């Protein structure tokens, strides 16, 4: 192999290394974005659970009040 071929090979190798570095950079950024999306999903899931629990408590509270009123009416009529 003469020097011209070696230089050409080194240029191609340098280009390949640059492409790998760029690919890794993109991969790294995508990984960071995916991790953030997972965090946001977990936060949203926790928020949804809290909202659902609050709704459940309100419904149970309304049902308890309705039962108490119904019992009061029944006892008043008895």
C-alpha atoms as a PDB file:
ATOM      1  CA  UNK A   1       0.000   0.000   0.000  1.00  0.00           C
ATOM      2  CA  UNK A   2       1.413   3.344  -0.867  1.00  0.00           C
ATOM      3  CA  UNK A   3       1.092   6.555   1.146  1.00  0.00           C
ATOM      4  CA  UNK A   4      -1.764   7.833  -1.042  1.00  0.00           C
ATOM      5  CA  UNK A   5      -3.895   4.780  -0.176  1.00  0.00           C
ATOM      6  CA  UNK A   6      -2.962   4.994   3.491  1.00  0.00           C
ATOM      7  CA  UNK A   7      -3.967   8.671   3.630  1.00  0.00           C
ATOM      8  CA  UNK A   8      -7.238   7.893   1.851  1.00  0.00           C
ATOM      9  CA  UNK A   9      -7.902   5.074   4.329  1.00  0.00           C
ATOM     10  CA  UNK A  10      -7.162   7.402   7.239  1.00  0.00           C
ATOM     11  CA  UNK A  11      -9.583   9.991   5.836  1.00  0.00           C
ATOM     12  CA  UNK A  12     -12.280   7.329   5.501  1.00  0.00           C
ATOM     13  CA  UNK A  13     -11.529   6.115   9.026  1.00  0.00           C
ATOM     14  CA  UNK A  14     -11.750   9.672  10.345  1.00  0.00           C
ATOM     15  CA  UNK A  15     -15.076  10.138   8.529  1.00  0.00           C
ATOM     16  CA  UNK A  16     -16.352   6.879  10.009  1.00  0.00           C
ATOM     17  CA  UNK A  17     -15.297   7.955  13.506  1.00  0.00           C
ATOM     18  CA  UNK A  18     -17.000  11.332  13.040  1.00  0.00           C
ATOM     19  CA  UNK A  19     -20.192   9.594  11.876  1.00  0.00           C
ATOM     20  CA  UNK A  20     -20.098   7.285  14.898  1.00  0.00           C
ATOM     21  CA  UNK A  21     -19.614  10.231  17.236  1.00  0.00           C
ATOM     22  CA  UNK A  22     -22.537  12.058  15.664  1.00  0.00           C
ATOM     23  CA  UNK A  23     -24.668   8.936  15.845  1.00  0.00           C
ATOM     24  CA  UNK A  24     -23.793   8.474  19.505  1.00  0.00           C
ATOM     25  CA  UNK A  25     -24.610  12.119  20.172  1.00  0.00           C
ATOM     26  CA  UNK A  26     -28.051  11.696  18.595  1.00  0.00           C
ATOM     27  CA  UNK A  27     -28.569   8.431  20.499  1.00  0.00           C
ATOM     28  CA  UNK A  28     -27.579  10.145  23.750  1.00  0.00           C
ATOM     29  CA  UNK A  29     -30.001  13.030  23.162  1.00  0.00           C
ATOM     30  CA  UNK A  30     -32.798  10.614  22.262  1.00  0.00           C
ATOM     31  CA  UNK A  31     -32.097   8.647  25.420  1.00  0.00           C
ATOM     32  CA  UNK A  32     -32.316  11.806  27.518  1.00  0.00           C
ATOM     33  CA  UNK A  33     -35.616  12.718  25.839  1.00  0.00           C
ATOM     34  CA  UNK A  34     -36.990   9.218  26.402  1.00  0.00           C
ATOM     35  CA  UNK A  35     -36.000   9.351  30.068  1.00  0.00           C
ATOM     36  CA  UNK A  36     -37.717  12.721  30.464  1.00  0.00           C
ATOM     37  CA  UNK A  37     -40.841  11.395  28.757  1.00  0.00           C
ATOM     38  CA  UNK A  38     -40.841   8.440  31.145  1.00  0.00           C
ATOM     39  CA  UNK A  39     -40.522  10.809  34.101  1.00  0.00           C
ATOM     40  CA  UNK A  40     -43.395  12.905  32.765  1.00  0.00           C
ATOM     41  CA  UNK A  41     -45.493   9.773  32.245  1.00  0.00           C
ATOM     42  CA  UNK A  42     -44.844   8.695  35.838  1.00  0.00           C
ATOM     43  CA  UNK A  43     -45.718  12.184  37.097  1.00  0.00           C
ATOM     44  CA  UNK A  44     -48.926  12.196  35.044  1.00  0.00           C
ATOM     45  CA  UNK A  45     -49.805   8.721  36.290  1.00  0.00           C
ATOM     46  CA  UNK A  46     -49.313   9.829  39.905  1.00  0.00           C
ATOM     47  CA  UNK A  47     -51.405  12.953  39.301  1.00  0.00           C
ATOM     48  CA  UNK A  48     -54.161  10.875  37.698  1.00  0.00           C
ATOM     49  CA  UNK A  49     -54.127   8.529  40.687  1.00  0.00           C
ATOM     50  CA  UNK A  50     -54.462  11.450  43.104  1.00  0.00           C
ATOM     51  CA  UNK A  51     -57.315  12.920  41.064  1.00  0.00           C
ATOM     52  CA  UNK A  52     -59.062   9.541  40.958  1.00  0.00           C
ATOM     53  CA  UNK A  53     -58.641   9.122  44.726  1.00  0.00           C
ATOM     54  CA  UNK A  54     -60.022  12.621  45.344  1.00  0.00           C
ATOM     55  CA  UNK A  55     -63.031  11.867  43.142  1.00  0.00           C
ATOM     56  CA  UNK A  56     -63.598   8.577  44.925  1.00  0.00           C
ATOM     57  CA  UNK A  57     -63.504  10.321  48.312  1.00  0.00           C
ATOM     58  CA  UNK A  58     -65.995  12.949  47.119  1.00  0.00           C
ATOM     59  CA  UNK A  59     -68.361  10.296  45.809  1.00  0.00           C
ATOM     60  CA  UNK A  60     -68.104   8.310  49.045  1.00  0.00           C
ATOM     61  CA  UNK A  61     -68.725  11.529  50.999  1.00  0.00           C
ATOM     62  CA  UNK A  62     -71.830  12.302  48.943  1.00  0.00           C
ATOM     63  CA  UNK A  63     -73.078   8.748  49.349  1.00  0.00           C
ATOM     64  CA  UNK A  64     -72.524   8.892  53.111  1.00  0.00           C
ATOM     65  CA  UNK A  65     -74.518  12.134  53.318  1.00  0.00           C
ATOM     66  CA  UNK A  66     -77.296  10.648  51.198  1.00  0.00           C
ATOM     67  CA  UNK A  67     -77.418   7.559  53.426  1.00  0.00           C
ATOM     68  CA  UNK A  68     -77.523   9.711  56.548  1.00  0.00           C
ATOM     69  CA  UNK A  69     -80.399  11.755  55.098  1.00  0.00           C
ATOM     70  CA  UNK A  70     -82.261   8.607  54.103  1.00  0.00           C
ATOM     71  CA  UNK A  71     -81.748   7.125  57.568  1.00  0.00           C
ATOM     72  CA  UNK A  72     -82.928  10.360  59.180  1.00  0.00           C
ATOM     73  CA  UNK A  73     -86.066  10.288  57.049  1.00  0.00           C
ATOM     74  CA  UNK A  74     -86.692   6.614  57.870  1.00  0.00           C
ATOM     75  CA  UNK A  75     -86.201   7.156  61.601  1.00  0.00           C
ATOM     76  CA  UNK A  76     -88.395  10.268  61.519  1.00  0.00           C
ATOM     77  CA  UNK A  77     -91.191   8.305  59.862  1.00  0.00           C
ATOM     78  CA  UNK A  78     -90.840   5.343  62.221  1.00  0.00           C
END
